[in-house]
Amino acid sequence: MDDGYEAMFVVDAVGGMSQLAHRTAIERLTAAGAVPNTSLALVTELFRDWKSALADPARDVIKWYMPEAQKLARPQRFP
């Protein structure tokens, strides 16, 4: 961003050991001027034409990712 580029970050890739750490990381990046996005939105926005040759491999990733993301969205219990 210091060099004039717009920065976007994938919210579901921002990690933390707790919801507070995760939320704080998102807020810090946003306050610095980076634009939050989700991995699904990023992948789907890459395609202007879902009839392209890369659309089917992208669909395969999306089909795999969605159930995995739902597993990660469940509250975690730490020992």
PDB file of N, CA and C in Angstrom:
ATOM      1  N   MET A   1       0.831  -1.182   0.000  1.00  0.00           N
ATOM      2  CA  MET A   1       0.000   0.000   0.000  1.00  0.00           C
ATOM      3  C   MET A   1       0.875   1.244   0.000  1.00  0.00           C
ATOM      4  N   ASP A   2       2.058   1.147   0.636  1.00  0.00           N
ATOM      5  CA  ASP A   2       2.981   2.285   0.640  1.00  0.00           C
ATOM      6  C   ASP A   2       3.434   2.639  -0.767  1.00  0.00           C
ATOM      7  N   ASP A   3       3.425   1.631  -1.666  1.00  0.00           N
ATOM      8  CA  ASP A   3       3.847   1.860  -3.044  1.00  0.00           C
ATOM      9  C   ASP A   3       2.679   2.208  -3.960  1.00  0.00           C
ATOM     10  N   GLY A   4       1.500   2.448  -3.372  1.00  0.00           N
ATOM     11  CA  GLY A   4       0.355   2.867  -4.163  1.00  0.00           C
ATOM     12  C   GLY A   4      -0.560   1.746  -4.620  1.00  0.00           C
ATOM     13  N   TYR A   5      -0.275   0.531  -4.204  1.00  0.00           N
ATOM     14  CA  TYR A   5      -1.137  -0.584  -4.581  1.00  0.00           C
ATOM     15  C   TYR A   5      -2.320  -0.689  -3.630  1.00  0.00           C
ATOM     16  N   GLU A   6      -3.445  -1.143  -4.152  1.00  0.00           N
ATOM     17  CA  GLU A   6      -4.567  -1.468  -3.290  1.00  0.00           C
ATOM     18  C   GLU A   6      -4.321  -2.866  -2.745  1.00  0.00           C
ATOM     19  N   ALA A   7      -4.621  -3.075  -1.495  1.00  0.00           N
ATOM     20  CA  ALA A   7      -4.410  -4.381  -0.878  1.00  0.00           C
ATOM     21  C   ALA A   7      -5.743  -4.972  -0.445  1.00  0.00           C
ATOM     22  N   MET A   8      -5.885  -6.265  -0.686  1.00  0.00           N
ATOM     23  CA  MET A   8      -7.064  -7.004  -0.271  1.00  0.00           C
ATOM     24  C   MET A   8      -6.578  -8.195   0.533  1.00  0.00           C
ATOM     25  N   PHE A   9      -7.294  -8.573   1.559  1.00  0.00           N
ATOM     26  CA  PHE A   9      -6.917  -9.772   2.307  1.00  0.00           C
ATOM     27  C   PHE A   9      -8.130 -10.683   2.445  1.00  0.00           C
ATOM     28  N   VAL A  10      -7.843 -11.965   2.582  1.00  0.00           N
ATOM     29  CA  VAL A  10      -8.882 -12.980   2.700  1.00  0.00           C
ATOM     30  C   VAL A  10      -9.171 -13.191   4.183  1.00  0.00           C
ATOM     31  N   VAL A  11     -10.352 -12.801   4.603  1.00  0.00           N
ATOM     32  CA  VAL A  11     -10.723 -12.835   6.013  1.00  0.00           C
ATOM     33  C   VAL A  11     -10.633 -14.240   6.588  1.00  0.00           C
ATOM     34  N   ASP A  12     -11.056 -15.244   5.814  1.00  0.00           N
ATOM     35  CA  ASP A  12     -11.028 -16.587   6.353  1.00  0.00           C
ATOM     36  C   ASP A  12      -9.623 -17.179   6.369  1.00  0.00           C
ATOM     37  N   ALA A  13      -8.629 -16.436   5.912  1.00  0.00           N
ATOM     38  CA  ALA A  13      -7.243 -16.884   6.006  1.00  0.00           C
ATOM     39  C   ALA A  13      -6.491 -16.175   7.134  1.00  0.00           C
ATOM     40  N   VAL A  14      -7.148 -15.221   7.776  1.00  0.00           N
ATOM     41  CA  VAL A  14      -6.534 -14.521   8.899  1.00  0.00           C
ATOM     42  C   VAL A  14      -6.716 -15.399  10.131  1.00  0.00           C
ATOM     43  N   GLY A  15      -5.604 -15.810  10.715  1.00  0.00           N
ATOM     44  CA  GLY A  15      -5.689 -16.757  11.817  1.00  0.00           C
ATOM     45  C   GLY A  15      -5.577 -16.119  13.178  1.00  0.00           C
ATOM     46  N   GLY A  16      -5.851 -16.916  14.156  1.00  0.00           N
ATOM     47  CA  GLY A  16      -5.729 -16.493  15.537  1.00  0.00           C
ATOM     48  C   GLY A  16      -6.103 -17.651  16.438  1.00  0.00           C
ATOM     49  N   MET A  17      -5.634 -17.613  17.653  1.00  0.00           N
ATOM     50  CA  MET A  17      -5.936 -18.684  18.599  1.00  0.00           C
ATOM     51  C   MET A  17      -7.298 -18.487  19.264  1.00  0.00           C
ATOM     52  N   SER A  18      -7.943 -17.365  18.983  1.00  0.00           N
ATOM     53  CA  SER A  18      -9.257 -17.096  19.558  1.00  0.00           C
ATOM     54  C   SER A  18     -10.025 -16.194  18.609  1.00  0.00           C
ATOM     55  N   GLN A  19     -11.318 -16.070  18.859  1.00  0.00           N
ATOM     56  CA  GLN A  19     -12.124 -15.156  18.061  1.00  0.00           C
ATOM     57  C   GLN A  19     -11.643 -13.720  18.223  1.00  0.00           C
ATOM     58  N   LEU A  20     -11.200 -13.373  19.433  1.00  0.00           N
ATOM     59  CA  LEU A  20     -10.694 -12.024  19.687  1.00  0.00           C
ATOM     60  C   LEU A  20      -9.440 -11.747  18.861  1.00  0.00           C
ATOM     61  N   ALA A  21      -8.517 -12.698  18.819  1.00  0.00           N
ATOM     62  CA  ALA A  21      -7.292 -12.523  18.026  1.00  0.00           C
ATOM     63  C   ALA A  21      -7.617 -12.413  16.543  1.00  0.00           C
ATOM     64  N   HIS A  22      -8.540 -13.231  16.081  1.00  0.00           N
ATOM     65  CA  HIS A  22      -8.956 -13.209  14.675  1.00  0.00           C
ATOM     66  C   HIS A  22      -9.578 -11.852  14.336  1.00  0.00           C
ATOM     67  N   ARG A  23     -10.513 -11.412  15.159  1.00  0.00           N
ATOM     68  CA  ARG A  23     -11.194 -10.143  14.921  1.00  0.00           C
ATOM     69  C   ARG A  23     -10.220  -8.964  14.987  1.00  0.00           C
ATOM     70  N   THR A  24      -9.289  -9.018  15.917  1.00  0.00           N
ATOM     71  CA  THR A  24      -8.301  -7.944  16.044  1.00  0.00           C
ATOM     72  C   THR A  24      -7.427  -7.860  14.800  1.00  0.00           C
ATOM     73  N   ALA A  25      -7.010  -9.005  14.281  1.00  0.00           N
ATOM     74  CA  ALA A  25      -6.198  -9.015  13.057  1.00  0.00           C
ATOM     75  C   ALA A  25      -6.962  -8.400  11.885  1.00  0.00           C
ATOM     76  N   ILE A  26      -8.222  -8.748  11.761  1.00  0.00           N
ATOM     77  CA  ILE A  26      -9.051  -8.193  10.688  1.00  0.00           C
ATOM     78  C   ILE A  26      -9.179  -6.677  10.850  1.00  0.00           C
ATOM     79  N   GLU A  27      -9.418  -6.232  12.064  1.00  0.00           N
ATOM     80  CA  GLU A  27      -9.568  -4.796  12.303  1.00  0.00           C
ATOM     81  C   GLU A  27      -8.268  -4.045  12.030  1.00  0.00           C
ATOM     82  N   ARG A  28      -7.133  -4.630  12.391  1.00  0.00           N
ATOM     83  CA  ARG A  28      -5.845  -3.965  12.134  1.00  0.00           C
ATOM     84  C   ARG A  28      -5.593  -3.838  10.640  1.00  0.00           C
ATOM     85  N   LEU A  29      -5.843  -4.885   9.874  1.00  0.00           N
ATOM     86  CA  LEU A  29      -5.639  -4.828   8.430  1.00  0.00           C
ATOM     87  C   LEU A  29      -6.579  -3.820   7.783  1.00  0.00           C
ATOM     88  N   THR A  30      -7.829  -3.819   8.229  1.00  0.00           N
ATOM     89  CA  THR A  30      -8.808  -2.885   7.678  1.00  0.00           C
ATOM     90  C   THR A  30      -8.441  -1.446   8.026  1.00  0.00           C
ATOM     91  N   ALA A  31      -8.019  -1.205   9.261  1.00  0.00           N
ATOM     92  CA  ALA A  31      -7.625   0.138   9.674  1.00  0.00           C
ATOM     93  C   ALA A  31      -6.422   0.634   8.874  1.00  0.00           C
ATOM     94  N   ALA A  32      -5.572  -0.286   8.440  1.00  0.00           N
ATOM     95  CA  ALA A  32      -4.404   0.088   7.645  1.00  0.00           C
ATOM     96  C   ALA A  32      -4.776   0.387   6.189  1.00  0.00           C
ATOM     97  N   GLY A  33      -6.035   0.093   5.829  1.00  0.00           N
ATOM     98  CA  GLY A  33      -6.491   0.412   4.478  1.00  0.00           C
ATOM     99  C   GLY A  33      -6.678  -0.782   3.567  1.00  0.00           C
ATOM    100  N   ALA A  34      -6.412  -1.984   4.056  1.00  0.00           N
ATOM    101  CA  ALA A  34      -6.625  -3.175   3.235  1.00  0.00           C
ATOM    102  C   ALA A  34      -8.117  -3.497   3.191  1.00  0.00           C
ATOM    103  N   VAL A  35      -8.552  -4.070   2.086  1.00  0.00           N
ATOM    104  CA  VAL A  35      -9.966  -4.368   1.877  1.00  0.00           C
ATOM    105  C   VAL A  35     -10.226  -5.834   2.214  1.00  0.00           C
ATOM    106  N   PRO A  36     -11.156  -6.108   3.138  1.00  0.00           N
ATOM    107  CA  PRO A  36     -11.455  -7.491   3.485  1.00  0.00           C
ATOM    108  C   PRO A  36     -12.290  -8.181   2.411  1.00  0.00           C
ATOM    109  N   ASN A  37     -12.063  -9.463   2.244  1.00  0.00           N
ATOM    110  CA  ASN A  37     -12.807 -10.278   1.293  1.00  0.00           C
ATOM    111  C   ASN A  37     -12.829 -11.695   1.837  1.00  0.00           C
ATOM    112  N   THR A  38     -13.647 -12.565   1.273  1.00  0.00           N
ATOM    113  CA  THR A  38     -13.642 -13.972   1.649  1.00  0.00           C
ATOM    114  C   THR A  38     -13.001 -14.775   0.529  1.00  0.00           C
ATOM    115  N   SER A  39     -12.555 -15.967   0.862  1.00  0.00           N
ATOM    116  CA  SER A  39     -11.924 -16.799  -0.165  1.00  0.00           C
ATOM    117  C   SER A  39     -12.916 -17.162  -1.266  1.00  0.00           C
ATOM    118  N   LEU A  40     -14.150 -17.451  -0.891  1.00  0.00           N
ATOM    119  CA  LEU A  40     -15.151 -17.781  -1.910  1.00  0.00           C
ATOM    120  C   LEU A  40     -15.412 -16.585  -2.818  1.00  0.00           C
ATOM    121  N   ALA A  41     -15.552 -15.405  -2.242  1.00  0.00           N
ATOM    122  CA  ALA A  41     -15.778 -14.211  -3.063  1.00  0.00           C
ATOM    123  C   ALA A  41     -14.584 -13.957  -3.980  1.00  0.00           C
ATOM    124  N   LEU A  42     -13.381 -14.141  -3.468  1.00  0.00           N
ATOM    125  CA  LEU A  42     -12.189 -13.924  -4.288  1.00  0.00           C
ATOM    126  C   LEU A  42     -12.163 -14.864  -5.490  1.00  0.00           C
ATOM    127  N   VAL A  43     -12.401 -16.139  -5.248  1.00  0.00           N
ATOM    128  CA  VAL A  43     -12.382 -17.113  -6.349  1.00  0.00           C
ATOM    129  C   VAL A  43     -13.472 -16.798  -7.362  1.00  0.00           C
ATOM    130  N   THR A  44     -14.669 -16.517  -6.887  1.00  0.00           N
ATOM    131  CA  THR A  44     -15.756 -16.270  -7.835  1.00  0.00           C
ATOM    132  C   THR A  44     -15.574 -14.956  -8.588  1.00  0.00           C
ATOM    133  N   GLU A  45     -14.940 -13.969  -7.951  1.00  0.00           N
ATOM    134  CA  GLU A  45     -14.711 -12.694  -8.627  1.00  0.00           C
ATOM    135  C   GLU A  45     -13.624 -12.781  -9.692  1.00  0.00           C
ATOM    136  N   LEU A  46     -12.781 -13.798  -9.622  1.00  0.00           N
ATOM    137  CA  LEU A  46     -11.725 -13.949 -10.623  1.00  0.00           C
ATOM    138  C   LEU A  46     -12.290 -14.292 -12.002  1.00  0.00           C
ATOM    139  N   PHE A  47     -13.494 -14.797 -12.022  1.00  0.00           N
ATOM    140  CA  PHE A  47     -14.091 -15.231 -13.285  1.00  0.00           C
ATOM    141  C   PHE A  47     -15.161 -14.263 -13.744  1.00  0.00           C
ATOM    142  N   ARG A  48     -14.898 -13.656 -14.866  1.00  0.00           N
ATOM    143  CA  ARG A  48     -15.917 -12.801 -15.466  1.00  0.00           C
ATOM    144  C   ARG A  48     -16.823 -13.657 -16.347  1.00  0.00           C
ATOM    145  N   ASP A  49     -16.268 -14.767 -16.821  1.00  0.00           N
ATOM    146  CA  ASP A  49     -17.007 -15.657 -17.706  1.00  0.00           C
ATOM    147  C   ASP A  49     -16.837 -17.083 -17.198  1.00  0.00           C
ATOM    148  N   TRP A  50     -17.891 -17.626 -16.626  1.00  0.00           N
ATOM    149  CA  TRP A  50     -17.815 -18.977 -16.069  1.00  0.00           C
ATOM    150  C   TRP A  50     -17.836 -20.046 -17.153  1.00  0.00           C
ATOM    151  N   LYS A  51     -17.728 -19.640 -18.408  1.00  0.00           N
ATOM    152  CA  LYS A  51     -17.614 -20.600 -19.505  1.00  0.00           C
ATOM    153  C   LYS A  51     -16.152 -20.782 -19.917  1.00  0.00           C
ATOM    154  N   SER A  52     -15.225 -20.124 -19.214  1.00  0.00           N
ATOM    155  CA  SER A  52     -13.812 -20.218 -19.565  1.00  0.00           C
ATOM    156  C   SER A  52     -13.265 -21.616 -19.254  1.00  0.00           C
ATOM    157  N   ALA A  53     -12.099 -21.921 -19.783  1.00  0.00           N
ATOM    158  CA  ALA A  53     -11.473 -23.226 -19.574  1.00  0.00           C
ATOM    159  C   ALA A  53     -11.100 -23.469 -18.115  1.00  0.00           C
ATOM    160  N   LEU A  54     -10.902 -22.412 -17.363  1.00  0.00           N
ATOM    161  CA  LEU A  54     -10.518 -22.557 -15.960  1.00  0.00           C
ATOM    162  C   LEU A  54     -11.711 -22.656 -15.016  1.00  0.00           C
ATOM    163  N   ALA A  55     -12.907 -22.500 -15.528  1.00  0.00           N
ATOM    164  CA  ALA A  55     -14.088 -22.499 -14.667  1.00  0.00           C
ATOM    165  C   ALA A  55     -14.316 -23.842 -13.989  1.00  0.00           C
ATOM    166  N   ASP A  56     -14.167 -24.939 -14.716  1.00  0.00           N
ATOM    167  CA  ASP A  56     -14.405 -26.247 -14.101  1.00  0.00           C
ATOM    168  C   ASP A  56     -13.410 -26.547 -12.979  1.00  0.00           C
ATOM    169  N   PRO A  57     -12.099 -26.298 -13.160  1.00  0.00           N
ATOM    170  CA  PRO A  57     -11.190 -26.491 -12.020  1.00  0.00           C
ATOM    171  C   PRO A  57     -11.544 -25.582 -10.837  1.00  0.00           C
ATOM    172  N   ALA A  58     -11.999 -24.372 -11.115  1.00  0.00           N
ATOM    173  CA  ALA A  58     -12.405 -23.469 -10.027  1.00  0.00           C
ATOM    174  C   ALA A  58     -13.625 -24.027  -9.309  1.00  0.00           C
ATOM    175  N   ARG A  59     -14.561 -24.555 -10.068  1.00  0.00           N
ATOM    176  CA  ARG A  59     -15.744 -25.161  -9.441  1.00  0.00           C
ATOM    177  C   ARG A  59     -15.339 -26.332  -8.540  1.00  0.00           C
ATOM    178  N   ASP A  60     -14.356 -27.120  -8.989  1.00  0.00           N
ATOM    179  CA  ASP A  60     -13.879 -28.243  -8.176  1.00  0.00           C
ATOM    180  C   ASP A  60     -13.325 -27.753  -6.841  1.00  0.00           C
ATOM    181  N   VAL A  61     -12.578 -26.665  -6.873  1.00  0.00           N
ATOM    182  CA  VAL A  61     -12.025 -26.099  -5.642  1.00  0.00           C
ATOM    183  C   VAL A  61     -13.152 -25.602  -4.745  1.00  0.00           C
ATOM    184  N   ILE A  62     -14.123 -24.915  -5.329  1.00  0.00           N
ATOM    185  CA  ILE A  62     -15.245 -24.391  -4.556  1.00  0.00           C
ATOM    186  C   ILE A  62     -16.036 -25.534  -3.925  1.00  0.00           C
ATOM    187  N   LYS A  63     -16.291 -26.592  -4.698  1.00  0.00           N
ATOM    188  CA  LYS A  63     -17.052 -27.730  -4.171  1.00  0.00           C
ATOM    189  C   LYS A  63     -16.317 -28.383  -3.007  1.00  0.00           C
ATOM    190  N   TRP A  64     -14.983 -28.426  -3.081  1.00  0.00           N
ATOM    191  CA  TRP A  64     -14.198 -28.987  -1.980  1.00  0.00           C
ATOM    192  C   TRP A  64     -14.163 -28.022  -0.798  1.00  0.00           C
ATOM    193  N   TYR A  65     -13.998 -26.758  -1.088  1.00  0.00           N
ATOM    194  CA  TYR A  65     -13.774 -25.764  -0.043  1.00  0.00           C
ATOM    195  C   TYR A  65     -14.992 -25.551   0.853  1.00  0.00           C
ATOM    196  N   MET A  66     -16.162 -25.492   0.279  1.00  0.00           N
ATOM    197  CA  MET A  66     -17.348 -25.128   1.056  1.00  0.00           C
ATOM    198  C   MET A  66     -17.568 -26.036   2.273  1.00  0.00           C
ATOM    199  N   PRO A  67     -17.553 -27.360   2.140  1.00  0.00           N
ATOM    200  CA  PRO A  67     -17.720 -28.199   3.334  1.00  0.00           C
ATOM    201  C   PRO A  67     -16.569 -28.030   4.325  1.00  0.00           C
ATOM    202  N   GLU A  68     -15.353 -27.819   3.826  1.00  0.00           N
ATOM    203  CA  GLU A  68     -14.206 -27.620   4.718  1.00  0.00           C
ATOM    204  C   GLU A  68     -14.341 -26.319   5.498  1.00  0.00           C
ATOM    205  N   ALA A  69     -14.788 -25.270   4.837  1.00  0.00           N
ATOM    206  CA  ALA A  69     -14.964 -23.978   5.505  1.00  0.00           C
ATOM    207  C   ALA A  69     -16.048 -24.074   6.578  1.00  0.00           C
ATOM    208  N   GLN A  70     -17.083 -24.840   6.305  1.00  0.00           N
ATOM    209  CA  GLN A  70     -18.144 -24.999   7.300  1.00  0.00           C
ATOM    210  C   GLN A  70     -17.618 -25.725   8.534  1.00  0.00           C
ATOM    211  N   LYS A  71     -16.727 -26.691   8.348  1.00  0.00           N
ATOM    212  CA  LYS A  71     -16.119 -27.380   9.489  1.00  0.00           C
ATOM    213  C   LYS A  71     -15.317 -26.393  10.333  1.00  0.00           C
ATOM    214  N   LEU A  72     -14.573 -25.517   9.677  1.00  0.00           N
ATOM    215  CA  LEU A  72     -13.738 -24.554  10.385  1.00  0.00           C
ATOM    216  C   LEU A  72     -14.567 -23.472  11.073  1.00  0.00           C
ATOM    217  N   ALA A  73     -15.755 -23.221  10.577  1.00  0.00           N
ATOM    218  CA  ALA A  73     -16.595 -22.177  11.154  1.00  0.00           C
ATOM    219  C   ALA A  73     -17.226 -22.611  12.471  1.00  0.00           C
ATOM    220  N   ARG A  74     -17.229 -23.914  12.719  1.00  0.00           N
ATOM    221  CA  ARG A  74     -17.783 -24.392  13.997  1.00  0.00           C
ATOM    222  C   ARG A  74     -16.898 -23.933  15.142  1.00  0.00           C
ATOM    223  N   PRO A  75     -17.505 -23.645  16.273  1.00  0.00           N
ATOM    224  CA  PRO A  75     -16.685 -23.252  17.434  1.00  0.00           C
ATOM    225  C   PRO A  75     -15.681 -24.342  17.791  1.00  0.00           C
ATOM    226  N   GLN A  76     -14.460 -23.927  18.025  1.00  0.00           N
ATOM    227  CA  GLN A  76     -13.393 -24.863  18.380  1.00  0.00           C
ATOM    228  C   GLN A  76     -13.299 -24.993  19.879  1.00  0.00           C
ATOM    229  N   ARG A  77     -13.013 -26.179  20.335  1.00  0.00           N
ATOM    230  CA  ARG A  77     -12.794 -26.415  21.757  1.00  0.00           C
ATOM    231  C   ARG A  77     -11.334 -26.753  21.934  1.00  0.00           C
ATOM    232  N   PHE A  78     -10.647 -25.933  22.689  1.00  0.00           N
ATOM    233  CA  PHE A  78      -9.224 -26.155  22.945  1.00  0.00           C
ATOM    234  C   PHE A  78      -9.077 -26.872  24.274  1.00  0.00           C
ATOM    235  N   PRO A  79      -8.133 -27.829  24.341  1.00  0.00           N
ATOM    236  CA  PRO A  79      -7.932 -28.575  25.603  1.00  0.00           C
ATOM    237  C   PRO A  79      -7.451 -27.685  26.724  1.00  0.00           C
TER     238      PRO A  79
END
